[in-house]
N, C-alpha and C. Protein backbone atom coordinates (compact mmCIF):
# COMPACT_ATOMS: atom_id res chain seq x y z
N MET A 1 0.82 -1.14 0.01
CA MET A 1 0.03 -0.06 0.04
C MET A 1 0.88 1.24 -0.02
N SER A 2 0.51 2.25 -0.69
CA SER A 2 1.17 3.40 -0.69
C SER A 2 0.88 4.23 0.50
N GLU A 3 1.87 4.88 1.08
CA GLU A 3 1.71 5.63 2.31
C GLU A 3 0.86 6.86 1.99
N ARG A 4 0.76 7.31 0.76
CA ARG A 4 0.00 8.46 0.41
C ARG A 4 -1.55 8.29 0.36
N MET A 5 -1.99 7.07 0.44
CA MET A 5 -3.45 6.86 0.44
C MET A 5 -4.05 7.46 1.61
N LEU A 6 -5.29 8.09 1.52
CA LEU A 6 -5.93 8.80 2.54
C LEU A 6 -6.57 7.74 3.51
N VAL A 7 -7.14 6.69 3.00
CA VAL A 7 -7.72 5.64 3.76
C VAL A 7 -7.08 4.32 3.31
N GLN A 8 -6.64 3.58 4.24
CA GLN A 8 -6.08 2.29 3.78
C GLN A 8 -7.12 1.25 3.98
N ALA A 9 -7.67 0.81 2.96
CA ALA A 9 -8.60 -0.32 2.96
C ALA A 9 -7.88 -1.59 3.50
N PRO A 10 -8.52 -2.38 4.13
CA PRO A 10 -7.95 -3.56 4.75
C PRO A 10 -7.93 -4.74 3.68
N GLU A 11 -7.21 -4.48 2.67
CA GLU A 11 -7.18 -5.40 1.55
C GLU A 11 -5.96 -6.32 1.61
N ARG A 12 -5.30 -6.37 2.67
CA ARG A 12 -4.13 -7.17 2.82
C ARG A 12 -4.42 -8.67 2.77
N THR A 13 -5.71 -8.95 2.97
CA THR A 13 -6.16 -10.36 2.74
C THR A 13 -7.27 -10.37 1.79
N LEU A 14 -7.35 -11.47 1.08
CA LEU A 14 -8.34 -11.60 0.05
C LEU A 14 -9.75 -11.40 0.64
N PRO A 15 -10.15 -11.96 1.74
CA PRO A 15 -11.46 -11.74 2.21
C PRO A 15 -11.73 -10.23 2.59
N GLY A 16 -10.75 -9.48 3.10
CA GLY A 16 -10.86 -8.10 3.49
C GLY A 16 -11.05 -7.32 2.08
N ALA A 17 -10.29 -7.66 1.08
CA ALA A 17 -10.46 -6.92 -0.20
C ALA A 17 -11.77 -7.19 -0.77
N ILE A 18 -12.23 -8.46 -0.71
CA ILE A 18 -13.60 -8.72 -1.36
C ILE A 18 -14.69 -8.00 -0.53
N LEU A 19 -14.61 -7.98 0.72
CA LEU A 19 -15.59 -7.28 1.57
C LEU A 19 -15.65 -5.84 1.26
N TRP A 20 -14.54 -5.19 1.20
CA TRP A 20 -14.39 -3.78 0.84
C TRP A 20 -15.01 -3.59 -0.52
N ALA A 21 -14.67 -4.37 -1.51
CA ALA A 21 -15.12 -4.20 -2.87
C ALA A 21 -16.65 -4.33 -2.95
N VAL A 22 -17.16 -5.35 -2.27
CA VAL A 22 -18.63 -5.46 -2.26
C VAL A 22 -19.39 -4.30 -1.54
N ALA A 23 -18.75 -3.89 -0.39
CA ALA A 23 -19.34 -2.73 0.32
C ALA A 23 -19.40 -1.49 -0.60
N LEU A 24 -18.26 -1.28 -1.32
CA LEU A 24 -18.16 -0.08 -2.14
C LEU A 24 -19.17 -0.23 -3.35
N SER A 25 -19.24 -1.47 -3.87
CA SER A 25 -20.14 -1.65 -4.95
C SER A 25 -21.66 -1.29 -4.53
N LEU A 26 -21.92 -1.53 -3.21
CA LEU A 26 -23.28 -1.14 -2.69
C LEU A 26 -23.41 0.39 -2.69
N VAL A 27 -22.37 1.07 -2.39
CA VAL A 27 -22.41 2.53 -2.42
C VAL A 27 -22.57 3.00 -3.83
N LEU A 28 -21.92 2.24 -4.72
CA LEU A 28 -22.15 2.55 -6.28
C LEU A 28 -23.65 2.34 -6.63
N THR A 29 -24.20 1.26 -6.18
CA THR A 29 -25.60 0.92 -6.48
C THR A 29 -26.50 2.00 -5.81
N ALA A 30 -26.29 2.45 -4.57
CA ALA A 30 -27.04 3.48 -4.13
C ALA A 30 -26.97 4.80 -4.89
N SER A 31 -25.77 5.04 -5.29
CA SER A 31 -25.52 6.25 -6.12
C SER A 31 -26.31 6.24 -7.46
N ALA A 32 -26.52 4.96 -7.92
CA ALA A 32 -27.22 4.90 -9.27
C ALA A 32 -28.69 5.04 -9.06
N HIS A 33 -29.13 4.84 -7.85
CA HIS A 33 -30.61 4.97 -7.61
C HIS A 33 -30.95 6.26 -7.04
N ILE A 34 -30.01 7.05 -6.71
CA ILE A 34 -30.27 8.47 -6.24
C ILE A 34 -30.28 9.29 -7.59
N GLN A 35 -31.48 9.64 -8.05
CA GLN A 35 -31.56 10.24 -9.41
C GLN A 35 -32.30 11.55 -9.36
N VAL A 36 -31.81 12.47 -10.17
CA VAL A 36 -32.49 13.80 -10.43
C VAL A 36 -33.13 13.61 -11.87
N PRO A 37 -34.45 13.72 -11.91
CA PRO A 37 -35.04 13.52 -13.21
C PRO A 37 -34.54 14.60 -14.22
N PHE A 38 -34.14 14.05 -15.38
CA PHE A 38 -33.52 14.83 -16.36
C PHE A 38 -33.79 14.21 -17.76
N TRP A 39 -33.41 14.91 -18.84
CA TRP A 39 -33.56 14.38 -20.15
C TRP A 39 -32.23 14.30 -20.87
N PRO A 40 -31.77 13.30 -21.56
CA PRO A 40 -32.56 12.16 -21.96
C PRO A 40 -32.60 11.01 -20.89
N VAL A 41 -31.75 11.02 -19.90
CA VAL A 41 -31.75 9.99 -18.85
C VAL A 41 -31.62 10.80 -17.52
N PRO A 42 -31.93 10.24 -16.41
CA PRO A 42 -31.81 10.96 -15.12
C PRO A 42 -30.26 11.11 -14.84
N VAL A 43 -29.92 12.14 -14.02
CA VAL A 43 -28.64 12.40 -13.50
C VAL A 43 -28.57 11.58 -12.20
N THR A 44 -27.40 10.82 -12.12
CA THR A 44 -27.18 10.11 -10.89
C THR A 44 -25.85 10.61 -10.26
N LEU A 45 -25.51 10.05 -9.13
CA LEU A 45 -24.30 10.42 -8.40
C LEU A 45 -23.13 9.42 -8.71
N GLN A 46 -23.37 8.59 -9.63
CA GLN A 46 -22.33 7.53 -9.89
C GLN A 46 -21.00 7.98 -10.18
N THR A 47 -20.79 8.96 -11.16
CA THR A 47 -19.49 9.45 -11.49
C THR A 47 -18.71 10.09 -10.33
N GLY A 48 -19.59 10.80 -9.62
CA GLY A 48 -18.99 11.43 -8.34
C GLY A 48 -18.43 10.35 -7.33
N VAL A 49 -19.22 9.28 -7.20
CA VAL A 49 -18.79 8.23 -6.25
C VAL A 49 -17.65 7.54 -6.79
N VAL A 50 -17.54 7.25 -8.13
CA VAL A 50 -16.37 6.63 -8.68
C VAL A 50 -15.17 7.48 -8.41
N LEU A 51 -15.20 8.72 -8.68
CA LEU A 51 -14.13 9.65 -8.46
C LEU A 51 -13.69 9.70 -6.91
N ALA A 52 -14.73 9.80 -6.03
CA ALA A 52 -14.38 9.85 -4.67
C ALA A 52 -13.70 8.45 -4.16
N ILE A 53 -14.25 7.38 -4.57
CA ILE A 53 -13.75 6.10 -4.12
C ILE A 53 -12.24 5.98 -4.63
N GLY A 54 -11.97 6.37 -5.88
CA GLY A 54 -10.73 6.34 -6.31
C GLY A 54 -9.73 7.32 -5.64
N GLY A 55 -10.26 8.60 -5.43
CA GLY A 55 -9.46 9.65 -4.75
C GLY A 55 -9.16 9.23 -3.33
N LEU A 56 -10.03 8.62 -2.68
CA LEU A 56 -9.82 8.20 -1.20
C LEU A 56 -9.14 6.93 -1.02
N LEU A 57 -9.35 5.97 -1.80
CA LEU A 57 -8.90 4.64 -1.59
C LEU A 57 -7.85 4.14 -2.53
N GLY A 58 -7.63 4.84 -3.63
CA GLY A 58 -6.68 4.43 -4.63
C GLY A 58 -7.27 3.77 -5.74
N PRO A 59 -6.40 3.55 -6.84
CA PRO A 59 -7.00 2.96 -8.01
C PRO A 59 -7.30 1.50 -7.85
N ARG A 60 -6.57 0.73 -7.11
CA ARG A 60 -6.79 -0.69 -6.97
C ARG A 60 -8.15 -1.01 -6.38
N MET A 61 -8.43 -0.38 -5.24
CA MET A 61 -9.70 -0.58 -4.55
C MET A 61 -10.83 -0.09 -5.42
N ALA A 62 -10.57 1.08 -6.08
CA ALA A 62 -11.69 1.54 -6.90
C ALA A 62 -11.97 0.56 -7.98
N LEU A 63 -10.98 -0.04 -8.67
CA LEU A 63 -11.11 -1.02 -9.68
C LEU A 63 -11.87 -2.32 -9.16
N MET A 64 -11.45 -2.69 -7.93
CA MET A 64 -12.06 -3.81 -7.39
C MET A 64 -13.52 -3.59 -7.13
N ALA A 65 -13.83 -2.34 -6.64
CA ALA A 65 -15.32 -2.00 -6.47
C ALA A 65 -16.08 -1.97 -7.83
N LEU A 66 -15.43 -1.51 -8.75
CA LEU A 66 -16.13 -1.45 -10.08
C LEU A 66 -16.37 -2.85 -10.58
N ALA A 67 -15.33 -3.69 -10.50
CA ALA A 67 -15.38 -5.05 -10.93
C ALA A 67 -16.57 -5.78 -10.17
N ALA A 68 -16.65 -5.61 -8.86
CA ALA A 68 -17.72 -6.20 -8.14
C ALA A 68 -19.08 -5.71 -8.67
N TYR A 69 -19.20 -4.34 -8.79
CA TYR A 69 -20.37 -3.77 -9.35
C TYR A 69 -20.80 -4.29 -10.67
N PHE A 70 -19.84 -4.38 -11.58
CA PHE A 70 -20.07 -4.91 -12.90
C PHE A 70 -20.51 -6.41 -12.92
N VAL A 71 -19.88 -7.18 -12.06
CA VAL A 71 -20.26 -8.67 -11.95
C VAL A 71 -21.73 -8.77 -11.36
N GLU A 72 -22.01 -7.95 -10.42
CA GLU A 72 -23.35 -7.91 -9.86
C GLU A 72 -24.38 -7.63 -10.92
N GLY A 73 -24.00 -6.53 -11.66
CA GLY A 73 -24.92 -6.12 -12.70
C GLY A 73 -25.05 -7.14 -13.92
N ALA A 74 -24.01 -7.67 -14.25
CA ALA A 74 -23.96 -8.70 -15.35
C ALA A 74 -24.69 -9.94 -14.88
N ALA A 75 -24.75 -10.27 -13.63
CA ALA A 75 -25.53 -11.39 -13.09
C ALA A 75 -26.96 -11.11 -13.07
N GLY A 76 -27.43 -9.88 -13.34
CA GLY A 76 -28.84 -9.57 -13.45
C GLY A 76 -29.31 -8.79 -12.16
N LEU A 77 -28.53 -8.58 -11.25
CA LEU A 77 -28.97 -7.72 -10.09
C LEU A 77 -29.28 -6.29 -10.48
N PRO A 78 -30.32 -5.74 -9.92
CA PRO A 78 -30.77 -4.35 -10.35
C PRO A 78 -29.90 -3.21 -9.71
N VAL A 79 -28.56 -3.26 -10.08
CA VAL A 79 -27.74 -2.29 -9.48
C VAL A 79 -27.48 -1.05 -10.31
N PHE A 80 -27.88 -1.17 -11.62
CA PHE A 80 -27.64 -0.01 -12.47
C PHE A 80 -28.75 1.00 -12.38
N ALA A 81 -28.52 2.24 -12.86
CA ALA A 81 -29.51 3.28 -12.89
C ALA A 81 -30.68 2.81 -13.88
N GLY A 82 -31.89 2.95 -13.35
CA GLY A 82 -33.01 2.62 -14.17
C GLY A 82 -33.43 1.14 -14.18
N THR A 83 -32.63 0.32 -13.50
CA THR A 83 -32.99 -1.07 -13.53
C THR A 83 -33.93 -1.48 -12.50
N PRO A 84 -34.85 -2.28 -12.75
CA PRO A 84 -35.00 -3.18 -13.93
C PRO A 84 -35.77 -2.65 -15.06
N ALA A 85 -36.29 -1.42 -14.88
CA ALA A 85 -37.18 -0.93 -15.95
C ALA A 85 -36.48 -0.85 -17.34
N ARG A 86 -35.21 -0.36 -17.28
CA ARG A 86 -34.50 -0.23 -18.48
C ARG A 86 -33.70 -1.42 -18.89
N GLY A 87 -33.91 -2.63 -18.38
CA GLY A 87 -33.24 -3.77 -18.65
C GLY A 87 -32.20 -4.12 -17.52
N ILE A 88 -31.74 -5.31 -17.55
CA ILE A 88 -30.72 -5.78 -16.59
C ILE A 88 -29.76 -6.63 -17.35
N GLY A 89 -28.64 -6.89 -16.48
CA GLY A 89 -27.60 -7.78 -16.99
C GLY A 89 -26.79 -7.21 -18.12
N LEU A 90 -26.25 -8.22 -18.92
CA LEU A 90 -25.38 -7.84 -19.92
C LEU A 90 -26.10 -6.92 -20.99
N ALA A 91 -27.38 -7.20 -21.29
CA ALA A 91 -28.12 -6.38 -22.21
C ALA A 91 -27.95 -4.89 -21.76
N TYR A 92 -28.15 -4.59 -20.56
CA TYR A 92 -28.09 -3.19 -20.08
C TYR A 92 -26.59 -2.57 -20.30
N MET A 93 -25.61 -3.57 -20.00
CA MET A 93 -24.25 -3.07 -20.03
C MET A 93 -23.74 -2.76 -21.39
N VAL A 94 -24.39 -3.46 -22.44
CA VAL A 94 -23.96 -3.07 -23.80
C VAL A 94 -24.95 -2.14 -24.49
N GLY A 95 -25.88 -1.48 -23.61
CA GLY A 95 -26.70 -0.50 -24.12
C GLY A 95 -26.15 0.79 -24.27
N PRO A 96 -26.90 1.90 -24.52
CA PRO A 96 -26.36 3.16 -24.88
C PRO A 96 -25.40 3.65 -23.77
N THR A 97 -25.62 3.43 -22.56
CA THR A 97 -24.81 4.01 -21.52
C THR A 97 -23.58 3.21 -21.09
N GLY A 98 -23.47 2.08 -21.82
CA GLY A 98 -22.33 1.07 -21.49
C GLY A 98 -20.98 1.71 -21.55
N GLY A 99 -20.77 2.52 -22.55
CA GLY A 99 -19.53 3.16 -22.70
C GLY A 99 -19.12 4.11 -21.56
N TYR A 100 -20.09 4.65 -20.95
CA TYR A 100 -19.76 5.56 -19.77
C TYR A 100 -19.23 4.62 -18.63
N MET A 101 -19.89 3.39 -18.50
CA MET A 101 -19.41 2.48 -17.45
C MET A 101 -18.01 2.06 -17.71
N VAL A 102 -17.64 1.85 -18.90
CA VAL A 102 -16.17 1.48 -19.18
C VAL A 102 -15.36 2.78 -18.90
N GLY A 103 -15.88 3.95 -19.16
CA GLY A 103 -15.13 5.16 -18.73
C GLY A 103 -14.89 5.39 -17.30
N TRP A 104 -15.74 4.73 -16.51
CA TRP A 104 -15.49 4.81 -15.06
C TRP A 104 -14.09 4.12 -14.67
N VAL A 105 -13.76 3.14 -15.38
CA VAL A 105 -12.62 2.38 -15.08
C VAL A 105 -11.35 3.36 -15.23
N PHE A 106 -11.31 4.12 -16.33
CA PHE A 106 -10.27 5.07 -16.59
C PHE A 106 -10.36 6.20 -15.63
N ALA A 107 -11.56 6.69 -15.34
CA ALA A 107 -11.74 7.75 -14.36
C ALA A 107 -11.25 7.38 -13.01
N ALA A 108 -11.65 6.19 -12.58
CA ALA A 108 -11.20 5.72 -11.30
C ALA A 108 -9.70 5.53 -11.16
N MET A 109 -9.10 5.08 -12.25
CA MET A 109 -7.67 4.95 -12.20
C MET A 109 -6.88 6.41 -12.01
N LEU A 110 -7.39 7.35 -12.79
CA LEU A 110 -6.82 8.70 -12.70
C LEU A 110 -7.11 9.37 -11.33
N ALA A 111 -8.44 9.16 -10.90
CA ALA A 111 -8.78 9.79 -9.59
C ALA A 111 -7.97 9.10 -8.45
N GLY A 112 -7.71 7.79 -8.63
CA GLY A 112 -6.94 7.14 -7.60
C GLY A 112 -5.52 7.62 -7.57
N TRP A 113 -4.91 7.74 -8.74
CA TRP A 113 -3.54 8.29 -8.88
C TRP A 113 -3.53 9.67 -8.28
N ALA A 114 -4.44 10.45 -8.67
CA ALA A 114 -4.37 11.87 -8.18
C ALA A 114 -4.57 12.01 -6.65
N GLY A 115 -5.43 11.09 -6.14
CA GLY A 115 -5.74 11.17 -4.71
C GLY A 115 -4.43 10.85 -3.88
N ARG A 116 -3.66 9.91 -4.47
CA ARG A 116 -2.39 9.48 -3.86
C ARG A 116 -1.36 10.64 -4.05
N ARG A 117 -1.30 11.28 -5.17
CA ARG A 117 -0.25 12.23 -5.37
C ARG A 117 -0.56 13.64 -4.99
N PHE A 118 -1.78 14.06 -5.03
CA PHE A 118 -2.22 15.41 -4.87
C PHE A 118 -3.22 15.65 -3.76
N ALA A 119 -3.33 14.80 -2.85
CA ALA A 119 -4.40 14.90 -1.82
C ALA A 119 -4.42 16.13 -0.97
N ALA A 120 -3.39 16.86 -0.86
CA ALA A 120 -3.34 18.21 -0.17
C ALA A 120 -3.05 19.33 -1.08
N ARG A 121 -3.20 19.11 -2.41
CA ARG A 121 -2.95 20.18 -3.38
C ARG A 121 -4.12 20.48 -4.27
N PRO A 122 -4.94 21.49 -3.91
CA PRO A 122 -6.21 21.61 -4.59
C PRO A 122 -6.18 21.74 -6.14
N LEU A 123 -5.32 22.60 -6.69
CA LEU A 123 -5.33 22.80 -8.05
C LEU A 123 -4.98 21.47 -8.90
N PRO A 124 -3.86 20.84 -8.66
CA PRO A 124 -3.50 19.69 -9.31
C PRO A 124 -4.61 18.58 -9.09
N LEU A 125 -5.16 18.45 -7.98
CA LEU A 125 -6.11 17.43 -7.70
C LEU A 125 -7.38 17.73 -8.49
N ALA A 126 -7.87 19.00 -8.51
CA ALA A 126 -9.01 19.42 -9.30
C ALA A 126 -8.82 19.16 -10.76
N ALA A 127 -7.70 19.49 -11.29
CA ALA A 127 -7.29 19.31 -12.69
C ALA A 127 -7.40 17.76 -13.01
N ALA A 128 -6.85 16.96 -12.13
CA ALA A 128 -6.94 15.57 -12.38
C ALA A 128 -8.40 15.04 -12.34
N MET A 129 -9.21 15.53 -11.41
CA MET A 129 -10.59 15.08 -11.36
C MET A 129 -11.28 15.47 -12.68
N LEU A 130 -10.99 16.66 -13.12
CA LEU A 130 -11.56 17.08 -14.44
C LEU A 130 -11.23 16.23 -15.58
N GLY A 131 -9.84 15.84 -15.52
CA GLY A 131 -9.34 14.94 -16.56
C GLY A 131 -10.00 13.57 -16.43
N ALA A 132 -10.27 13.10 -15.18
CA ALA A 132 -11.03 11.90 -15.04
C ALA A 132 -12.34 11.85 -15.65
N VAL A 133 -13.07 13.04 -15.47
CA VAL A 133 -14.45 13.25 -16.12
C VAL A 133 -14.27 13.13 -17.61
N ALA A 134 -13.23 13.74 -18.17
CA ALA A 134 -13.08 13.63 -19.64
C ALA A 134 -12.69 12.25 -20.04
N LEU A 135 -11.97 11.51 -19.15
CA LEU A 135 -11.65 10.11 -19.57
C LEU A 135 -12.97 9.24 -19.49
N ASN A 136 -13.87 9.63 -18.63
CA ASN A 136 -15.16 9.00 -18.64
C ASN A 136 -16.04 9.16 -19.85
N TYR A 137 -15.89 10.42 -20.41
CA TYR A 137 -16.68 10.81 -21.60
C TYR A 137 -16.11 10.17 -22.84
N LEU A 138 -14.92 9.89 -22.94
CA LEU A 138 -14.26 9.41 -24.25
C LEU A 138 -14.86 8.08 -24.64
N PRO A 139 -14.84 7.02 -23.89
CA PRO A 139 -15.48 5.75 -24.40
C PRO A 139 -17.13 5.95 -24.30
N GLY A 140 -17.56 6.73 -23.41
CA GLY A 140 -19.02 6.88 -23.38
C GLY A 140 -19.61 7.52 -24.52
N VAL A 141 -18.94 8.50 -25.02
CA VAL A 141 -19.38 9.20 -26.21
C VAL A 141 -19.19 8.36 -27.44
N ALA A 142 -18.03 7.70 -27.55
CA ALA A 142 -17.76 6.85 -28.67
C ALA A 142 -18.84 5.76 -28.78
N TRP A 143 -19.11 5.12 -27.63
CA TRP A 143 -20.09 4.00 -27.66
C TRP A 143 -21.56 4.55 -27.98
N LEU A 144 -21.91 5.56 -27.32
CA LEU A 144 -23.27 6.27 -27.47
C LEU A 144 -23.39 6.61 -28.96
N ALA A 145 -22.36 7.02 -29.61
CA ALA A 145 -22.44 7.49 -31.05
C ALA A 145 -22.93 6.29 -31.85
N THR A 146 -22.58 5.09 -31.54
CA THR A 146 -23.06 3.92 -32.32
C THR A 146 -24.63 3.73 -32.21
N PHE A 147 -25.19 4.33 -31.18
CA PHE A 147 -26.73 4.33 -31.13
C PHE A 147 -27.38 5.62 -31.71
N THR A 148 -26.73 6.75 -31.53
CA THR A 148 -27.35 7.97 -31.91
C THR A 148 -26.76 8.65 -33.22
N GLY A 149 -25.55 8.17 -33.60
CA GLY A 149 -24.85 8.85 -34.68
C GLY A 149 -24.06 10.00 -34.11
N TRP A 150 -22.98 10.35 -34.83
CA TRP A 150 -22.10 11.37 -34.30
C TRP A 150 -22.73 12.71 -34.35
N SER A 151 -23.74 12.98 -35.21
CA SER A 151 -24.30 14.25 -35.29
C SER A 151 -25.10 14.60 -33.93
N ARG A 152 -25.67 13.63 -33.33
CA ARG A 152 -26.44 13.87 -32.13
C ARG A 152 -25.81 13.51 -30.86
N VAL A 153 -24.62 12.97 -30.77
CA VAL A 153 -24.07 12.49 -29.67
C VAL A 153 -23.68 13.52 -28.61
N VAL A 154 -23.22 14.68 -29.01
CA VAL A 154 -22.91 15.75 -27.96
C VAL A 154 -24.13 16.27 -27.38
N ALA A 155 -25.17 16.40 -28.23
CA ALA A 155 -26.46 16.95 -27.71
C ALA A 155 -27.15 16.06 -26.80
N LEU A 156 -26.92 14.60 -26.93
CA LEU A 156 -27.58 13.62 -26.02
C LEU A 156 -26.63 13.20 -25.01
N GLY A 157 -25.41 13.13 -25.27
CA GLY A 157 -24.53 12.44 -24.21
C GLY A 157 -23.51 13.27 -23.56
N VAL A 158 -23.33 14.52 -23.89
CA VAL A 158 -22.43 15.42 -23.33
C VAL A 158 -23.14 16.71 -22.66
N ALA A 159 -23.71 17.46 -23.63
CA ALA A 159 -24.21 18.76 -23.17
C ALA A 159 -25.19 18.70 -21.99
N PRO A 160 -26.09 17.65 -21.94
CA PRO A 160 -27.13 17.75 -20.76
C PRO A 160 -26.40 17.40 -19.51
N PHE A 161 -25.19 16.76 -19.49
CA PHE A 161 -24.69 16.25 -18.22
C PHE A 161 -23.35 16.94 -17.88
N ILE A 162 -22.76 17.72 -18.63
CA ILE A 162 -21.43 18.26 -18.31
C ILE A 162 -21.48 19.08 -17.01
N VAL A 163 -22.42 19.88 -16.82
CA VAL A 163 -22.44 20.77 -15.58
C VAL A 163 -22.60 19.90 -14.37
N ALA A 164 -23.45 18.85 -14.40
CA ALA A 164 -23.57 17.98 -13.18
C ALA A 164 -22.34 17.23 -12.96
N ASP A 165 -21.62 16.78 -14.11
CA ASP A 165 -20.36 16.05 -13.90
C ASP A 165 -19.26 16.93 -13.40
N LEU A 166 -19.27 18.19 -13.75
CA LEU A 166 -18.29 19.13 -13.23
C LEU A 166 -18.57 19.38 -11.71
N VAL A 167 -19.81 19.49 -11.29
CA VAL A 167 -20.13 19.54 -9.89
C VAL A 167 -19.71 18.33 -9.14
N LYS A 168 -19.98 17.13 -9.69
CA LYS A 168 -19.55 15.83 -9.09
C LYS A 168 -17.99 15.85 -8.88
N ALA A 169 -17.27 16.27 -9.92
CA ALA A 169 -15.86 16.30 -9.81
C ALA A 169 -15.32 17.26 -8.71
N ALA A 170 -16.05 18.41 -8.62
CA ALA A 170 -15.72 19.41 -7.59
C ALA A 170 -15.95 18.83 -6.24
N LEU A 171 -17.13 18.17 -6.01
CA LEU A 171 -17.38 17.53 -4.76
C LEU A 171 -16.49 16.47 -4.39
N ALA A 172 -16.12 15.56 -5.40
CA ALA A 172 -15.13 14.60 -5.10
C ALA A 172 -13.74 15.15 -4.69
N THR A 173 -13.36 16.25 -5.40
CA THR A 173 -12.13 16.93 -5.07
C THR A 173 -12.28 17.52 -3.65
N ALA A 174 -13.35 18.11 -3.30
CA ALA A 174 -13.45 18.74 -1.95
C ALA A 174 -13.43 17.63 -0.93
N LEU A 175 -14.08 16.45 -1.17
CA LEU A 175 -14.02 15.27 -0.21
C LEU A 175 -12.62 14.83 -0.04
N VAL A 176 -11.84 14.65 -1.08
CA VAL A 176 -10.49 14.19 -0.93
C VAL A 176 -9.61 15.24 -0.19
N LEU A 177 -9.81 16.43 -0.53
CA LEU A 177 -9.15 17.58 0.23
C LEU A 177 -9.45 17.57 1.64
N ALA A 178 -10.74 17.50 1.97
CA ALA A 178 -11.15 17.43 3.38
C ALA A 178 -10.61 16.29 4.11
N ALA A 179 -10.52 15.20 3.43
CA ALA A 179 -10.01 13.92 4.15
C ALA A 179 -8.48 13.97 4.35
N ALA A 180 -7.84 14.72 3.55
CA ALA A 180 -6.30 14.77 3.61
C ALA A 180 -5.89 15.23 5.10
N GLY A 181 -5.23 14.33 5.74
CA GLY A 181 -4.69 14.62 6.98
C GLY A 181 -5.66 14.39 8.18
N ARG A 182 -6.96 14.22 7.81
CA ARG A 182 -7.98 14.06 8.81
C ARG A 182 -8.38 12.66 9.13
N LEU A 183 -8.27 11.73 8.08
CA LEU A 183 -8.68 10.41 8.35
C LEU A 183 -7.50 9.55 8.70
N ARG A 184 -7.80 8.73 9.67
CA ARG A 184 -6.71 7.82 10.11
C ARG A 184 -6.92 6.60 9.19
N ARG A 185 -5.72 5.94 8.99
CA ARG A 185 -5.83 4.73 8.20
C ARG A 185 -6.51 3.66 8.95
N ILE A 186 -7.41 2.91 8.30
CA ILE A 186 -8.15 1.89 8.96
C ILE A 186 -7.71 0.56 8.60
């Protein structure tokens, strides 16, 4: 474990790592179901939670949490936003928002790296969190374009959500900064 991590997850054992990953996947599930009605799909807290988990616990634990979340969803559990009404399982994962879920992997890695490196430095941390949002959009927009076409993808998959995602990045940045030096390793 890096000494720069804000919170040290008890992942020294496989059972501890699995328990943390499942617990964090439940946080991701809750964030998927906290929704603000919006068009074309509701706004959720998922991106902010991915950034916060990465920033606080590092890229490895964030990736483990995402892996658990994706396995739960692929198995048909209603963990994703809008499930089961909008479908479940692999069919949901390869649907229009699937690319954004892939983008969480890249966003979590960057947020985790930034949390370790810049936990007490506001500007570099904020810049990295904004970069993580951009990394989330790259596969998300590319995949969504296969459903909407390139001419409509920005109007449907970026413009409606960019302000909310910037707010989520700011909140995740603030959380990591607030935690710097305050949280004891557990």
